[in-house]
């Protein structure tokens, strides 16, 4: 028997979740000598992803957020994990295979034959750091690529504005847009993050939306207006972007992280949607699992982003929680916007 520590949703928060109160580490025993489930496998977790959307599941069962099933209090929080198989009863997934899939965030996982289809062997011919498959080579990278090309439909020379630009998706959107020949402006929540945008990700301009008037910042950096707004945060910055939008502009609604912790009565109300008909703005929400998004762009995303990482033209920054014991604090920091880059938990070996 070994200890199996897990990240548990322990109580429903009213606002911003607090580590140790709303998310806790709890331990059970795991029989590492036991045979695997029929048709399934047991595995040791290497990395787990932490993502803003998880906040939409940490709610009361009678107050669901559209498109997200509430997670019962007391449950282990699930998300995408990378794990190494220990024992297997599945010929397609033999021992020592590194797999990626959806599972409870804990040190050891036991996957039944019915659940095994959710996992696939990780293809890593370039032998890159595994956490890249939770960032640019994973769902955030696919969301950035598919959202930009399918929803925003960029054209060379256009100007794109990206909010939450140092986060898991935002940092990649900006760099992919640069590859497409766009002028890229980013907004982030600290001076440190702004420097990251311009110095590491090579955005053409960036500003701290918590420092001064965001509308004035955007007007200074994009005096001719913007063609595309890739929205990761919602709230006031969406108002600002609509004001700056050129005719026939496009808005990609990928996330609304500034509103996830707010009660319905406290959420920001957009005030200038009256401009959308006159400017003929297209505003589309996206879910990477929709037909014609992730499935359409998965192969080209892997090819292009893999190439850019290999040749150094794309950079990836991570906010890495070093152990499961620190996971509640890591998730709380993500919800509070304190992370810099893609948030992951590292359980140990590659």
Protein backbone atom coordinates (compact mmCIF):
# COMPACT_ATOMS: atom_id res chain seq x y z
CA UNK A 1 0.00 0.00 0.00
CA UNK A 2 1.12 3.55 -0.74
CA UNK A 3 -0.35 6.91 0.15
CA UNK A 4 -2.47 8.46 -2.60
CA UNK A 5 -2.91 12.19 -2.06
CA UNK A 6 -5.58 14.00 -4.04
CA UNK A 7 -6.83 17.54 -4.74
CA UNK A 8 -10.36 17.64 -3.30
CA UNK A 9 -13.19 20.16 -3.71
CA UNK A 10 -14.06 20.42 -0.03
CA UNK A 11 -16.65 23.23 0.23
CA UNK A 12 -18.60 25.55 -2.08
CA UNK A 13 -17.15 29.10 -2.15
CA UNK A 14 -19.26 32.26 -2.32
CA UNK A 15 -16.57 34.19 -4.15
CA UNK A 16 -12.86 33.59 -4.61
CA UNK A 17 -11.97 30.04 -3.46
CA UNK A 18 -9.51 29.77 -0.57
CA UNK A 19 -6.84 27.10 -0.34
CA UNK A 20 -7.35 24.84 2.66
CA UNK A 21 -11.01 25.79 2.96
CA UNK A 22 -12.56 25.16 -0.44
CA UNK A 23 -9.78 23.01 -1.93
CA UNK A 24 -7.81 20.59 0.22
CA UNK A 25 -5.35 17.72 -0.10
CA UNK A 26 -6.76 14.47 1.25
CA UNK A 27 -5.06 11.08 1.32
CA UNK A 28 -6.26 7.52 0.92
CA UNK A 29 -4.38 4.26 0.43
CA UNK A 30 -3.60 2.83 -3.00
CA UNK A 31 -2.74 -0.84 -3.47
CA UNK A 32 0.16 -0.68 -5.91
CA UNK A 33 0.49 -4.48 -5.82
CA UNK A 34 -3.11 -5.11 -6.93
CA UNK A 35 -3.97 -6.25 -10.44
CA UNK A 36 -5.37 -3.55 -12.74
CA UNK A 37 -9.10 -3.37 -13.56
CA UNK A 38 -10.28 -5.63 -16.37
CA UNK A 39 -9.42 -3.94 -19.66
CA UNK A 40 -7.92 -0.99 -17.81
CA UNK A 41 -4.74 0.03 -16.04
CA UNK A 42 -3.18 1.67 -13.01
CA UNK A 43 -0.80 4.60 -13.39
CA UNK A 44 1.32 7.14 -11.52
CA UNK A 45 0.57 10.77 -12.32
CA UNK A 46 3.40 12.94 -13.62
CA UNK A 47 1.60 16.21 -14.44
CA UNK A 48 -1.90 17.57 -13.99
CA UNK A 49 -3.35 20.64 -15.66
CA UNK A 50 -4.92 23.51 -13.71
CA UNK A 51 -7.35 25.61 -15.77
CA UNK A 52 -9.63 28.60 -15.09
CA UNK A 53 -12.76 26.74 -16.26
CA UNK A 54 -12.54 24.51 -13.17
CA UNK A 55 -13.97 27.42 -11.18
CA UNK A 56 -17.23 26.95 -13.11
CA UNK A 57 -17.59 23.47 -11.65
CA UNK A 58 -16.86 24.47 -8.02
CA UNK A 59 -20.42 25.69 -7.42
CA UNK A 60 -23.53 24.61 -5.55
CA UNK A 61 -25.49 21.82 -7.30
CA UNK A 62 -28.56 24.07 -7.63
CA UNK A 63 -26.53 26.90 -9.23
CA UNK A 64 -24.91 25.35 -12.32
CA UNK A 65 -23.05 27.48 -14.85
CA UNK A 66 -24.18 26.98 -18.47
CA UNK A 67 -22.24 24.17 -20.11
CA UNK A 68 -20.56 22.96 -16.91
CA UNK A 69 -21.72 20.24 -14.51
CA UNK A 70 -21.28 21.14 -10.82
CA UNK A 71 -18.76 18.98 -9.00
CA UNK A 72 -20.15 17.49 -5.77
CA UNK A 73 -18.40 18.77 -2.64
CA UNK A 74 -16.05 16.11 -1.34
CA UNK A 75 -15.08 14.98 -4.85
CA UNK A 76 -11.58 14.81 -6.26
CA UNK A 77 -11.20 17.57 -8.85
CA UNK A 78 -10.73 16.02 -12.33
CA UNK A 79 -8.76 17.46 -15.22
CA UNK A 80 -6.27 16.48 -17.91
CA UNK A 81 -3.33 14.48 -16.55
CA UNK A 82 -0.18 12.90 -17.92
CA UNK A 83 0.66 9.60 -16.25
CA UNK A 84 2.91 6.54 -16.62
CA UNK A 85 1.19 3.16 -16.61
CA UNK A 86 2.23 0.80 -13.82
CA UNK A 87 0.11 -2.27 -14.55
CA UNK A 88 -2.22 -2.92 -17.45
CA UNK A 89 -4.87 -5.32 -18.70
CA UNK A 90 -5.13 -3.42 -21.98
CA UNK A 91 -2.93 -4.53 -24.88
CA UNK A 92 -3.07 -1.07 -26.47
CA UNK A 93 -1.73 0.56 -23.28
CA UNK A 94 1.10 -1.59 -21.90
CA UNK A 95 3.08 -0.89 -18.72
CA UNK A 96 5.50 2.05 -18.78
CA UNK A 97 3.48 3.82 -21.50
CA UNK A 98 3.05 7.55 -20.88
CA UNK A 99 -0.60 8.47 -21.45
CA UNK A 100 -2.71 11.63 -21.45
CA UNK A 101 -6.37 11.86 -20.55
CA UNK A 102 -9.00 13.06 -18.10
CA UNK A 103 -8.70 11.73 -14.54
CA UNK A 104 -8.98 12.74 -10.87
CA UNK A 105 -6.04 14.89 -9.81
CA UNK A 106 -4.21 12.51 -7.50
CA UNK A 107 -0.89 10.68 -7.24
CA UNK A 108 -2.15 7.32 -8.51
CA UNK A 109 -5.09 6.56 -10.79
CA UNK A 110 -7.00 3.36 -11.48
CA UNK A 111 -8.71 3.35 -14.87
CA UNK A 112 -11.40 0.82 -15.79
CA UNK A 113 -11.83 -0.75 -19.18
CA UNK A 114 -14.84 1.51 -19.78
CA UNK A 115 -12.73 4.58 -19.01
CA UNK A 116 -9.59 3.57 -20.91
CA UNK A 117 -10.84 5.05 -24.20
CA UNK A 118 -10.39 8.51 -22.65
CA UNK A 119 -6.61 7.98 -22.62
CA UNK A 120 -4.13 7.87 -25.47
CA UNK A 121 -0.40 7.19 -25.58
CA UNK A 122 1.55 10.43 -25.64
CA UNK A 123 3.39 10.85 -28.93
CA UNK A 124 6.63 12.66 -28.14
CA UNK A 125 9.14 11.97 -30.95
CA UNK A 126 11.14 15.14 -30.18
CA UNK A 127 11.40 14.15 -26.49
CA UNK A 128 10.23 17.56 -25.28
CA UNK A 129 9.25 18.32 -21.70
CA UNK A 130 5.99 16.49 -21.05
CA UNK A 131 4.26 19.55 -19.61
CA UNK A 132 4.26 21.10 -23.07
CA UNK A 133 1.43 18.67 -23.88
CA UNK A 134 -0.69 20.49 -21.28
CA UNK A 135 0.18 23.86 -22.84
CA UNK A 136 1.12 24.69 -26.43
CA UNK A 137 0.91 21.07 -27.64
CA UNK A 138 -2.25 20.42 -25.63
CA UNK A 139 -5.73 21.85 -25.24
CA UNK A 140 -4.63 25.49 -24.68
CA UNK A 141 -2.58 25.42 -27.87
CA UNK A 142 -5.39 23.84 -29.84
CA UNK A 143 -7.87 26.41 -28.49
CA UNK A 144 -5.51 29.22 -29.48
CA UNK A 145 -4.90 27.86 -32.97
CA UNK A 146 -8.46 26.80 -33.81
CA UNK A 147 -10.04 29.88 -32.21
CA UNK A 148 -7.79 32.18 -34.19
CA UNK A 149 -8.14 30.50 -37.57
CA UNK A 150 -11.73 29.22 -37.47
CA UNK A 151 -13.44 32.02 -35.52
CA UNK A 152 -11.24 35.11 -36.01
CA UNK A 153 -10.18 34.31 -39.59
CA UNK A 154 -7.07 36.54 -39.48
CA UNK A 155 -5.67 38.42 -42.46
CA UNK A 156 -2.09 39.61 -42.79
CA UNK A 157 -1.62 43.16 -41.54
CA UNK A 158 -4.60 43.18 -39.18
CA UNK A 159 -4.41 44.13 -35.51
CA UNK A 160 -5.44 41.67 -32.81
CA UNK A 161 -6.00 42.49 -29.13
CA UNK A 162 -5.61 39.60 -26.65
CA UNK A 163 -6.75 39.75 -23.02
CA UNK A 164 -5.37 37.41 -20.38
CA UNK A 165 -2.42 37.49 -22.73
CA UNK A 166 0.16 35.88 -20.44
CA UNK A 167 -2.12 32.95 -19.60
CA UNK A 168 -2.22 29.45 -21.02
CA UNK A 169 -4.16 30.39 -24.16
CA UNK A 170 -3.36 34.10 -24.49
CA UNK A 171 0.41 33.72 -24.72
CA UNK A 172 -0.05 31.24 -27.60
CA UNK A 173 -2.71 33.23 -29.47
CA UNK A 174 -0.38 36.20 -29.64
CA UNK A 175 2.57 34.19 -30.91
CA UNK A 176 0.47 32.31 -33.49
CA UNK A 177 -0.96 35.65 -34.65
CA UNK A 178 2.57 36.99 -35.10
CA UNK A 179 3.35 33.99 -37.31
CA UNK A 180 0.27 34.93 -39.37
CA UNK A 181 1.58 38.47 -39.91
CA UNK A 182 -0.70 40.32 -37.49
CA UNK A 183 0.10 43.22 -35.19
CA UNK A 184 -0.46 41.94 -31.64
CA UNK A 185 -1.51 43.96 -28.58
CA UNK A 186 -1.90 42.24 -25.21
CA UNK A 187 -3.38 43.05 -21.82
CA UNK A 188 -2.26 41.42 -18.59
CA UNK A 189 -2.70 42.02 -14.87
CA UNK A 190 0.78 43.04 -13.72
CA UNK A 191 3.89 44.84 -14.92
CA UNK A 192 5.81 41.54 -14.73
CA UNK A 193 3.33 39.94 -17.12
CA UNK A 194 3.46 42.92 -19.47
CA UNK A 195 7.25 42.59 -19.72
CA UNK A 196 6.78 38.92 -20.50
CA UNK A 197 4.47 39.78 -23.39
CA UNK A 198 6.87 42.19 -25.05
CA UNK A 199 10.26 40.72 -24.10
CA UNK A 200 9.59 36.96 -24.38
CA UNK A 201 6.51 36.53 -26.55
CA UNK A 202 7.41 39.52 -28.76
CA UNK A 203 3.99 41.20 -28.76
CA UNK A 204 4.04 44.56 -30.54
CA UNK A 205 2.55 46.29 -27.50
CA UNK A 206 1.10 45.47 -24.10
CA UNK A 207 -0.40 47.15 -21.05
CA UNK A 208 -1.33 46.43 -17.44
CA UNK A 209 -5.12 46.67 -17.36
CA UNK A 210 -4.98 47.26 -13.58
CA UNK A 211 -2.81 50.35 -14.03
CA UNK A 212 -4.76 53.34 -15.30
CA UNK A 213 -7.42 53.61 -17.99
CA UNK A 214 -7.51 50.46 -20.15
CA UNK A 215 -9.37 52.33 -22.90
CA UNK A 216 -6.65 54.98 -23.07
CA UNK A 217 -3.93 52.29 -23.09
CA UNK A 218 -5.55 50.51 -26.04
CA UNK A 219 -6.11 53.74 -27.95
CA UNK A 220 -2.43 54.57 -27.50
CA UNK A 221 -1.23 51.17 -28.72
CA UNK A 222 -3.82 50.72 -31.48
CA UNK A 223 -4.82 54.24 -32.56
CA UNK A 224 -6.42 52.92 -35.73
CA UNK A 225 -8.55 50.40 -33.87
CA UNK A 226 -8.51 46.60 -33.76
CA UNK A 227 -9.74 43.95 -36.18
CA UNK A 228 -9.86 40.99 -33.78
CA UNK A 229 -10.39 40.66 -30.05
CA UNK A 230 -9.45 37.31 -28.51
CA UNK A 231 -11.32 37.45 -25.22
CA UNK A 232 -10.10 35.36 -22.29
CA UNK A 233 -11.38 37.53 -19.43
CA UNK A 234 -14.68 39.27 -20.29
CA UNK A 235 -15.79 42.16 -18.11
CA UNK A 236 -14.66 45.72 -18.69
CA UNK A 237 -12.02 44.78 -21.27
CA UNK A 238 -14.79 43.48 -23.53
CA UNK A 239 -16.41 46.92 -23.39
CA UNK A 240 -13.06 48.49 -24.21
CA UNK A 241 -12.51 46.13 -27.15
CA UNK A 242 -15.96 46.77 -28.65
CA UNK A 243 -15.28 50.51 -28.54
CA UNK A 244 -11.98 49.97 -30.37
CA UNK A 245 -13.34 47.48 -32.90
CA UNK A 246 -13.21 48.37 -36.58
CA UNK A 247 -16.12 47.61 -38.91
CA UNK A 248 -16.41 43.88 -39.64
CA UNK A 249 -14.34 43.07 -36.56
CA UNK A 250 -14.39 39.63 -34.93
CA UNK A 251 -14.55 38.70 -31.26
CA UNK A 252 -13.49 35.23 -30.10
CA UNK A 253 -15.16 34.48 -26.75
CA UNK A 254 -12.79 31.86 -25.31
CA UNK A 255 -13.11 32.66 -21.60
CA UNK A 256 -14.57 35.07 -19.06
CA UNK A 257 -12.15 34.56 -16.17
CA UNK A 258 -12.77 38.00 -14.61
CA UNK A 259 -16.36 36.95 -13.94
CA UNK A 260 -15.93 33.39 -12.68
CA UNK A 261 -15.63 34.33 -9.00
CA UNK A 262 -18.36 36.99 -9.03
CA UNK A 263 -21.89 36.38 -7.83
CA UNK A 264 -24.50 36.94 -10.56
CA UNK A 265 -25.50 40.25 -8.97
CA UNK A 266 -21.87 41.41 -9.06
CA UNK A 267 -20.98 40.39 -12.61
CA UNK A 268 -20.01 43.11 -15.05
CA UNK A 269 -22.74 44.17 -17.45
CA UNK A 270 -21.57 44.94 -20.99
CA UNK A 271 -22.88 48.40 -21.93
CA UNK A 272 -22.01 48.99 -25.56
CA UNK A 273 -23.34 46.04 -27.53
CA UNK A 274 -25.47 48.61 -29.39
CA UNK A 275 -22.37 49.19 -31.53
CA UNK A 276 -22.35 45.65 -32.89
CA UNK A 277 -24.97 46.02 -35.65
CA UNK A 278 -23.49 49.26 -36.99
CA UNK A 279 -19.95 47.87 -36.96
CA UNK A 280 -21.16 44.47 -38.22
CA UNK A 281 -19.15 42.74 -35.50
CA UNK A 282 -19.06 38.94 -35.32
CA UNK A 283 -18.99 37.67 -31.72
CA UNK A 284 -18.74 33.92 -31.27
CA UNK A 285 -18.27 31.70 -28.25
CA UNK A 286 -16.17 28.60 -28.70
CA UNK A 287 -15.71 25.16 -27.19
CA UNK A 288 -12.75 23.24 -28.51
CA UNK A 289 -14.80 20.04 -28.47
CA UNK A 290 -17.32 21.44 -30.97
CA UNK A 291 -17.38 19.82 -34.40
CA UNK A 292 -15.29 21.83 -36.83
CA UNK A 293 -12.93 23.22 -34.20
CA UNK A 294 -10.61 20.84 -32.36
CA UNK A 295 -11.16 17.97 -34.76
CA UNK A 296 -10.57 20.18 -37.80
CA UNK A 297 -7.33 21.77 -36.60
CA UNK A 298 -5.74 19.09 -34.37
CA UNK A 299 -3.26 17.74 -36.93
CA UNK A 300 -2.09 21.09 -38.31
CA UNK A 301 -1.87 22.50 -34.78
CA UNK A 302 0.45 19.67 -33.72
CA UNK A 303 2.57 20.09 -36.84
CA UNK A 304 2.91 23.88 -36.78
CA UNK A 305 3.24 24.42 -33.04
CA UNK A 306 5.61 21.50 -32.70
CA UNK A 307 7.78 23.03 -35.39
CA UNK A 308 7.72 26.49 -33.78
CA UNK A 309 8.71 25.06 -30.40
CA UNK A 310 11.52 23.04 -31.95
CA UNK A 311 13.00 25.99 -33.85
CA UNK A 312 12.57 28.40 -30.93
CA UNK A 313 10.11 30.77 -32.59
CA UNK A 314 7.45 29.93 -29.97
CA UNK A 315 8.06 30.26 -26.25
CA UNK A 316 5.99 28.72 -23.46
CA UNK A 317 5.94 29.94 -19.87
CA UNK A 318 4.52 27.81 -17.05
CA UNK A 319 3.40 28.41 -13.49
CA UNK A 320 4.46 25.09 -12.00
CA UNK A 321 3.19 23.84 -8.64
CA UNK A 322 5.92 21.54 -7.41
CA UNK A 323 3.89 18.98 -5.44
CA UNK A 324 0.37 17.80 -4.74
CA UNK A 325 0.61 19.33 -1.25
CA UNK A 326 0.85 22.78 -2.84
CA UNK A 327 -2.00 22.12 -5.31
CA UNK A 328 -4.76 23.96 -3.37
CA UNK A 329 -2.60 27.10 -3.26
CA UNK A 330 -1.69 26.70 -6.92
CA UNK A 331 -5.35 26.47 -7.93
CA UNK A 332 -6.32 29.39 -5.67
CA UNK A 333 -3.57 31.52 -7.24
CA UNK A 334 -4.87 30.63 -10.71
CA UNK A 335 -8.40 31.69 -9.80
CA UNK A 336 -7.01 34.95 -8.36
CA UNK A 337 -4.96 35.65 -11.49
CA UNK A 338 -1.63 35.36 -9.70
CA UNK A 339 -0.20 32.71 -11.98
CA UNK A 340 2.27 33.65 -14.70
CA UNK A 341 1.79 31.33 -17.67
CA UNK A 342 0.13 27.93 -17.96
CA UNK A 343 -0.63 26.42 -14.54
CA UNK A 344 0.33 22.79 -13.91
CA UNK A 345 1.07 20.47 -10.99
CA UNK A 346 4.27 18.47 -11.23
CA UNK A 347 4.08 15.24 -9.26
CA UNK A 348 7.65 14.16 -9.93
CA UNK A 349 9.49 12.20 -12.62
CA UNK A 350 9.09 12.76 -16.34
